[in-house]
Amino acid sequence: MSDKSLFQKISWLFAMANFMIAFACLIWFLVAGDDATELIRYSVGAATFFFLTTGGVLFMMAKANLPSFKMP
């Protein structure tokens, strides 16, 4: 197993940012959802889903065990 590359570390940072944004959207949806119009509620729900799934994909990319192809 090799050390994580720079791109995997960056993917992990963006994954955590996406999870935080998804959590913020979910909190807004639960707290202010009744006061907002239907269009805004649907948009925030879609944004929550987008950020959650994007964060999941980036997290899997960051935690992948990639082989090292360096020649000795």
PDB file of N, CA and C in Angstrom:
ATOM      1  N   MET A   1       0.834  -1.170   0.000  1.00  0.00           N
ATOM      2  CA  MET A   1       0.000   0.000   0.000  1.00  0.00           C
ATOM      3  C   MET A   1       0.884   1.240   0.000  1.00  0.00           C
ATOM      4  N   SER A   2       0.572   2.165  -0.873  1.00  0.00           N
ATOM      5  CA  SER A   2       1.384   3.374  -0.979  1.00  0.00           C
ATOM      6  C   SER A   2       0.706   4.529  -0.240  1.00  0.00           C
ATOM      7  N   ASP A   3       1.463   5.587  -0.061  1.00  0.00           N
ATOM      8  CA  ASP A   3       0.890   6.783   0.550  1.00  0.00           C
ATOM      9  C   ASP A   3      -0.140   7.382  -0.399  1.00  0.00           C
ATOM     10  N   LYS A   4      -1.023   8.173   0.147  1.00  0.00           N
ATOM     11  CA  LYS A   4      -2.052   8.816  -0.663  1.00  0.00           C
ATOM     12  C   LYS A   4      -1.422   9.921  -1.500  1.00  0.00           C
ATOM     13  N   SER A   5      -1.872  10.031  -2.740  1.00  0.00           N
ATOM     14  CA  SER A   5      -1.339  11.065  -3.622  1.00  0.00           C
ATOM     15  C   SER A   5      -1.962  12.415  -3.267  1.00  0.00           C
ATOM     16  N   LEU A   6      -1.419  13.437  -3.865  1.00  0.00           N
ATOM     17  CA  LEU A   6      -1.921  14.791  -3.626  1.00  0.00           C
ATOM     18  C   LEU A   6      -3.378  14.902  -4.055  1.00  0.00           C
ATOM     19  N   PHE A   7      -3.721  14.288  -5.174  1.00  0.00           N
ATOM     20  CA  PHE A   7      -5.093  14.368  -5.666  1.00  0.00           C
ATOM     21  C   PHE A   7      -6.068  13.641  -4.751  1.00  0.00           C
ATOM     22  N   GLN A   8      -5.641  12.570  -4.111  1.00  0.00           N
ATOM     23  CA  GLN A   8      -6.508  11.882  -3.152  1.00  0.00           C
ATOM     24  C   GLN A   8      -6.717  12.725  -1.899  1.00  0.00           C
ATOM     25  N   LYS A   9      -5.680  13.432  -1.485  1.00  0.00           N
ATOM     26  CA  LYS A   9      -5.821  14.307  -0.323  1.00  0.00           C
ATOM     27  C   LYS A   9      -6.764  15.470  -0.632  1.00  0.00           C
ATOM     28  N   ILE A  10      -6.648  16.026  -1.840  1.00  0.00           N
ATOM     29  CA  ILE A  10      -7.540  17.109  -2.253  1.00  0.00           C
ATOM     30  C   ILE A  10      -8.970  16.587  -2.375  1.00  0.00           C
ATOM     31  N   SER A  11      -9.145  15.376  -2.892  1.00  0.00           N
ATOM     32  CA  SER A  11     -10.481  14.775  -2.989  1.00  0.00           C
ATOM     33  C   SER A  11     -11.101  14.613  -1.614  1.00  0.00           C
ATOM     34  N   TRP A  12     -10.289  14.239  -0.629  1.00  0.00           N
ATOM     35  CA  TRP A  12     -10.811  14.083   0.729  1.00  0.00           C
ATOM     36  C   TRP A  12     -11.282  15.431   1.286  1.00  0.00           C
ATOM     37  N   LEU A  13     -10.515  16.491   1.032  1.00  0.00           N
ATOM     38  CA  LEU A  13     -10.914  17.818   1.516  1.00  0.00           C
ATOM     39  C   LEU A  13     -12.224  18.266   0.877  1.00  0.00           C
ATOM     40  N   PHE A  14     -12.344  18.063  -0.433  1.00  0.00           N
ATOM     41  CA  PHE A  14     -13.574  18.456  -1.120  1.00  0.00           C
ATOM     42  C   PHE A  14     -14.749  17.576  -0.696  1.00  0.00           C
ATOM     43  N   ALA A  15     -14.491  16.320  -0.381  1.00  0.00           N
ATOM     44  CA  ALA A  15     -15.552  15.438   0.108  1.00  0.00           C
ATOM     45  C   ALA A  15     -16.087  15.945   1.440  1.00  0.00           C
ATOM     46  N   MET A  16     -15.201  16.327   2.342  1.00  0.00           N
ATOM     47  CA  MET A  16     -15.640  16.840   3.634  1.00  0.00           C
ATOM     48  C   MET A  16     -16.409  18.149   3.472  1.00  0.00           C
ATOM     49  N   ALA A  17     -15.958  18.997   2.540  1.00  0.00           N
ATOM     50  CA  ALA A  17     -16.675  20.250   2.282  1.00  0.00           C
ATOM     51  C   ALA A  17     -18.075  19.966   1.736  1.00  0.00           C
ATOM     52  N   ASN A  18     -18.187  18.991   0.840  1.00  0.00           N
ATOM     53  CA  ASN A  18     -19.493  18.630   0.295  1.00  0.00           C
ATOM     54  C   ASN A  18     -20.409  18.077   1.373  1.00  0.00           C
ATOM     55  N   PHE A  19     -19.874  17.255   2.274  1.00  0.00           N
ATOM     56  CA  PHE A  19     -20.689  16.725   3.363  1.00  0.00           C
ATOM     57  C   PHE A  19     -21.175  17.842   4.281  1.00  0.00           C
ATOM     58  N   MET A  20     -20.327  18.839   4.548  1.00  0.00           N
ATOM     59  CA  MET A  20     -20.739  19.953   5.398  1.00  0.00           C
ATOM     60  C   MET A  20     -21.821  20.798   4.721  1.00  0.00           C
ATOM     61  N   ILE A  21     -21.675  21.025   3.422  1.00  0.00           N
ATOM     62  CA  ILE A  21     -22.698  21.792   2.695  1.00  0.00           C
ATOM     63  C   ILE A  21     -24.016  21.026   2.667  1.00  0.00           C
ATOM     64  N   ALA A  22     -23.940  19.711   2.454  1.00  0.00           N
ATOM     65  CA  ALA A  22     -25.152  18.895   2.458  1.00  0.00           C
ATOM     66  C   ALA A  22     -25.834  18.939   3.826  1.00  0.00           C
ATOM     67  N   PHE A  23     -25.043  18.888   4.888  1.00  0.00           N
ATOM     68  CA  PHE A  23     -25.597  18.968   6.240  1.00  0.00           C
ATOM     69  C   PHE A  23     -26.259  20.320   6.476  1.00  0.00           C
ATOM     70  N   ALA A  24     -25.621  21.399   5.989  1.00  0.00           N
ATOM     71  CA  ALA A  24     -26.201  22.742   6.145  1.00  0.00           C
ATOM     72  C   ALA A  24     -27.511  22.855   5.364  1.00  0.00           C
ATOM     73  N   CYS A  25     -27.559  22.302   4.164  1.00  0.00           N
ATOM     74  CA  CYS A  25     -28.796  22.319   3.374  1.00  0.00           C
ATOM     75  C   CYS A  25     -29.893  21.521   4.067  1.00  0.00           C
ATOM     76  N   LEU A  26     -29.525  20.386   4.639  1.00  0.00           N
ATOM     77  CA  LEU A  26     -30.505  19.563   5.332  1.00  0.00           C
ATOM     78  C   LEU A  26     -31.062  20.277   6.560  1.00  0.00           C
ATOM     79  N   ILE A  27     -30.198  20.943   7.311  1.00  0.00           N
ATOM     80  CA  ILE A  27     -30.649  21.697   8.485  1.00  0.00           C
ATOM     81  C   ILE A  27     -31.588  22.811   8.056  1.00  0.00           C
ATOM     82  N   TRP A  28     -31.226  23.531   6.988  1.00  0.00           N
ATOM     83  CA  TRP A  28     -32.101  24.593   6.492  1.00  0.00           C
ATOM     84  C   TRP A  28     -33.440  24.017   6.051  1.00  0.00           C
ATOM     85  N   PHE A  29     -33.398  22.883   5.365  1.00  0.00           N
ATOM     86  CA  PHE A  29     -34.624  22.242   4.882  1.00  0.00           C
ATOM     87  C   PHE A  29     -35.535  21.853   6.045  1.00  0.00           C
ATOM     88  N   LEU A  30     -34.956  21.354   7.125  1.00  0.00           N
ATOM     89  CA  LEU A  30     -35.762  20.940   8.270  1.00  0.00           C
ATOM     90  C   LEU A  30     -36.268  22.129   9.093  1.00  0.00           C
ATOM     91  N   VAL A  31     -35.465  23.172   9.186  1.00  0.00           N
ATOM     92  CA  VAL A  31     -35.839  24.308  10.029  1.00  0.00           C
ATOM     93  C   VAL A  31     -36.771  25.271   9.291  1.00  0.00           C
ATOM     94  N   ALA A  32     -36.411  25.673   8.092  1.00  0.00           N
ATOM     95  CA  ALA A  32     -37.167  26.703   7.373  1.00  0.00           C
ATOM     96  C   ALA A  32     -37.979  26.137   6.226  1.00  0.00           C
ATOM     97  N   GLY A  33     -38.132  24.842   6.172  1.00  0.00           N
ATOM     98  CA  GLY A  33     -38.812  24.232   5.041  1.00  0.00           C
ATOM     99  C   GLY A  33     -40.271  24.607   4.916  1.00  0.00           C
ATOM    100  N   ASP A  34     -40.987  24.758   6.026  1.00  0.00           N
ATOM    101  CA  ASP A  34     -42.415  25.065   5.963  1.00  0.00           C
ATOM    102  C   ASP A  34     -42.682  26.504   5.536  1.00  0.00           C
ATOM    103  N   ASP A  35     -41.770  27.401   5.843  1.00  0.00           N
ATOM    104  CA  ASP A  35     -41.973  28.808   5.508  1.00  0.00           C
ATOM    105  C   ASP A  35     -41.610  29.122   4.054  1.00  0.00           C
ATOM    106  N   ALA A  36     -40.845  28.267   3.411  1.00  0.00           N
ATOM    107  CA  ALA A  36     -40.385  28.527   2.053  1.00  0.00           C
ATOM    108  C   ALA A  36     -41.409  28.035   1.028  1.00  0.00           C
ATOM    109  N   THR A  37     -41.293  28.547  -0.176  1.00  0.00           N
ATOM    110  CA  THR A  37     -42.181  28.097  -1.243  1.00  0.00           C
ATOM    111  C   THR A  37     -41.775  26.700  -1.698  1.00  0.00           C
ATOM    112  N   GLU A  38     -42.652  26.077  -2.469  1.00  0.00           N
ATOM    113  CA  GLU A  38     -42.366  24.714  -2.932  1.00  0.00           C
ATOM    114  C   GLU A  38     -41.100  24.664  -3.779  1.00  0.00           C
ATOM    115  N   LEU A  39     -40.929  25.651  -4.636  1.00  0.00           N
ATOM    116  CA  LEU A  39     -39.764  25.665  -5.526  1.00  0.00           C
ATOM    117  C   LEU A  39     -38.461  25.714  -4.729  1.00  0.00           C
ATOM    118  N   ILE A  40     -38.424  26.520  -3.695  1.00  0.00           N
ATOM    119  CA  ILE A  40     -37.214  26.626  -2.880  1.00  0.00           C
ATOM    120  C   ILE A  40     -36.976  25.332  -2.107  1.00  0.00           C
ATOM    121  N   ARG A  41     -38.031  24.735  -1.568  1.00  0.00           N
ATOM    122  CA  ARG A  41     -37.872  23.472  -0.849  1.00  0.00           C
ATOM    123  C   ARG A  41     -37.339  22.375  -1.763  1.00  0.00           C
ATOM    124  N   TYR A  42     -37.887  22.285  -2.981  1.00  0.00           N
ATOM    125  CA  TYR A  42     -37.411  21.276  -3.921  1.00  0.00           C
ATOM    126  C   TYR A  42     -35.965  21.530  -4.330  1.00  0.00           C
ATOM    127  N   SER A  43     -35.618  22.794  -4.503  1.00  0.00           N
ATOM    128  CA  SER A  43     -34.243  23.140  -4.886  1.00  0.00           C
ATOM    129  C   SER A  43     -33.252  22.795  -3.785  1.00  0.00           C
ATOM    130  N   VAL A  44     -33.608  23.077  -2.554  1.00  0.00           N
ATOM    131  CA  VAL A  44     -32.718  22.755  -1.430  1.00  0.00           C
ATOM    132  C   VAL A  44     -32.630  21.247  -1.247  1.00  0.00           C
ATOM    133  N   GLY A  45     -33.731  20.545  -1.449  1.00  0.00           N
ATOM    134  CA  GLY A  45     -33.696  19.083  -1.388  1.00  0.00           C
ATOM    135  C   GLY A  45     -32.795  18.490  -2.456  1.00  0.00           C
ATOM    136  N   ALA A  46     -32.864  19.039  -3.668  1.00  0.00           N
ATOM    137  CA  ALA A  46     -31.993  18.571  -4.751  1.00  0.00           C
ATOM    138  C   ALA A  46     -30.528  18.899  -4.453  1.00  0.00           C
ATOM    139  N   ALA A  47     -30.278  20.082  -3.893  1.00  0.00           N
ATOM    140  CA  ALA A  47     -28.908  20.453  -3.542  1.00  0.00           C
ATOM    141  C   ALA A  47     -28.355  19.535  -2.461  1.00  0.00           C
ATOM    142  N   THR A  48     -29.186  19.177  -1.495  1.00  0.00           N
ATOM    143  CA  THR A  48     -28.761  18.253  -0.448  1.00  0.00           C
ATOM    144  C   THR A  48     -28.365  16.915  -1.046  1.00  0.00           C
ATOM    145  N   PHE A  49     -29.212  16.391  -1.937  1.00  0.00           N
ATOM    146  CA  PHE A  49     -28.913  15.121  -2.585  1.00  0.00           C
ATOM    147  C   PHE A  49     -27.635  15.208  -3.424  1.00  0.00           C
ATOM    148  N   PHE A  50     -27.480  16.304  -4.175  1.00  0.00           N
ATOM    149  CA  PHE A  50     -26.296  16.481  -5.017  1.00  0.00           C
ATOM    150  C   PHE A  50     -25.019  16.509  -4.182  1.00  0.00           C
ATOM    151  N   PHE A  51     -24.991  17.331  -3.148  1.00  0.00           N
ATOM    152  CA  PHE A  51     -23.780  17.455  -2.338  1.00  0.00           C
ATOM    153  C   PHE A  51     -23.480  16.177  -1.567  1.00  0.00           C
ATOM    154  N   LEU A  52     -24.507  15.462  -1.129  1.00  0.00           N
ATOM    155  CA  LEU A  52     -24.286  14.215  -0.416  1.00  0.00           C
ATOM    156  C   LEU A  52     -23.695  13.143  -1.340  1.00  0.00           C
ATOM    157  N   THR A  53     -24.242  12.997  -2.526  1.00  0.00           N
ATOM    158  CA  THR A  53     -23.722  11.976  -3.445  1.00  0.00           C
ATOM    159  C   THR A  53     -22.349  12.362  -3.995  1.00  0.00           C
ATOM    160  N   THR A  54     -22.137  13.639  -4.269  1.00  0.00           N
ATOM    161  CA  THR A  54     -20.817  14.077  -4.736  1.00  0.00           C
ATOM    162  C   THR A  54     -19.765  13.858  -3.652  1.00  0.00           C
ATOM    163  N   GLY A  55     -20.114  14.153  -2.423  1.00  0.00           N
ATOM    164  CA  GLY A  55     -19.197  13.907  -1.313  1.00  0.00           C
ATOM    165  C   GLY A  55     -18.885  12.433  -1.161  1.00  0.00           C
ATOM    166  N   GLY A  56     -19.883  11.579  -1.367  1.00  0.00           N
ATOM    167  CA  GLY A  56     -19.645  10.134  -1.290  1.00  0.00           C
ATOM    168  C   GLY A  56     -18.692   9.638  -2.354  1.00  0.00           C
ATOM    169  N   VAL A  57     -18.857  10.132  -3.571  1.00  0.00           N
ATOM    170  CA  VAL A  57     -17.962   9.725  -4.665  1.00  0.00           C
ATOM    171  C   VAL A  57     -16.543  10.217  -4.403  1.00  0.00           C
ATOM    172  N   LEU A  58     -16.405  11.465  -3.994  1.00  0.00           N
ATOM    173  CA  LEU A  58     -15.071  11.997  -3.708  1.00  0.00           C
ATOM    174  C   LEU A  58     -14.420  11.275  -2.534  1.00  0.00           C
ATOM    175  N   PHE A  59     -15.213  10.893  -1.552  1.00  0.00           N
ATOM    176  CA  PHE A  59     -14.670  10.158  -0.403  1.00  0.00           C
ATOM    177  C   PHE A  59     -14.154   8.787  -0.845  1.00  0.00           C
ATOM    178  N   MET A  60     -14.899   8.115  -1.709  1.00  0.00           N
ATOM    179  CA  MET A  60     -14.438   6.805  -2.210  1.00  0.00           C
ATOM    180  C   MET A  60     -13.162   6.948  -3.042  1.00  0.00           C
ATOM    181  N   MET A  61     -13.068   8.019  -3.815  1.00  0.00           N
ATOM    182  CA  MET A  61     -11.841   8.262  -4.580  1.00  0.00           C
ATOM    183  C   MET A  61     -10.662   8.522  -3.657  1.00  0.00           C
ATOM    184  N   ALA A  62     -10.915   9.251  -2.573  1.00  0.00           N
ATOM    185  CA  ALA A  62      -9.829   9.592  -1.651  1.00  0.00           C
ATOM    186  C   ALA A  62      -9.352   8.384  -0.859  1.00  0.00           C
ATOM    187  N   LYS A  63     -10.230   7.445  -0.561  1.00  0.00           N
ATOM    188  CA  LYS A  63      -9.862   6.297   0.260  1.00  0.00           C
ATOM    189  C   LYS A  63      -9.482   5.063  -0.550  1.00  0.00           C
ATOM    190  N   ALA A  64      -9.433   5.187  -1.867  1.00  0.00           N
ATOM    191  CA  ALA A  64      -9.084   4.042  -2.711  1.00  0.00           C
ATOM    192  C   ALA A  64      -7.629   3.630  -2.474  1.00  0.00           C
ATOM    193  N   ASN A  65      -7.383   2.335  -2.523  1.00  0.00           N
ATOM    194  CA  ASN A  65      -6.042   1.801  -2.345  1.00  0.00           C
ATOM    195  C   ASN A  65      -5.423   1.608  -3.728  1.00  0.00           C
ATOM    196  N   LEU A  66      -4.740   2.630  -4.202  1.00  0.00           N
ATOM    197  CA  LEU A  66      -4.160   2.596  -5.538  1.00  0.00           C
ATOM    198  C   LEU A  66      -2.764   1.997  -5.495  1.00  0.00           C
ATOM    199  N   PRO A  67      -2.414   1.142  -6.457  1.00  0.00           N
ATOM    200  CA  PRO A  67      -1.073   0.563  -6.474  1.00  0.00           C
ATOM    201  C   PRO A  67      -0.056   1.588  -6.945  1.00  0.00           C
ATOM    202  N   SER A  68       1.162   1.397  -6.549  1.00  0.00           N
ATOM    203  CA  SER A  68       2.250   2.262  -6.975  1.00  0.00           C
ATOM    204  C   SER A  68       2.934   1.616  -8.195  1.00  0.00           C
ATOM    205  N   PHE A  69       3.049   2.381  -9.249  1.00  0.00           N
ATOM    206  CA  PHE A  69       3.678   1.894 -10.474  1.00  0.00           C
ATOM    207  C   PHE A  69       5.096   2.416 -10.650  1.00  0.00           C
ATOM    208  N   LYS A  70       5.704   2.865  -9.564  1.00  0.00           N
ATOM    209  CA  LYS A  70       7.077   3.377  -9.634  1.00  0.00           C
ATOM    210  C   LYS A  70       8.050   2.213  -9.823  1.00  0.00           C
ATOM    211  N   MET A  71       9.015   2.418 -10.655  1.00  0.00           N
ATOM    212  CA  MET A  71      10.033   1.408 -10.896  1.00  0.00           C
ATOM    213  C   MET A  71      11.117   1.519  -9.819  1.00  0.00           C
ATOM    214  N   PRO A  72      11.586   0.411  -9.295  1.00  0.00           N
ATOM    215  CA  PRO A  72      12.613   0.472  -8.233  1.00  0.00           C
ATOM    216  C   PRO A  72      13.951   0.951  -8.728  1.00  0.00           C
TER     217      PRO A  72
END
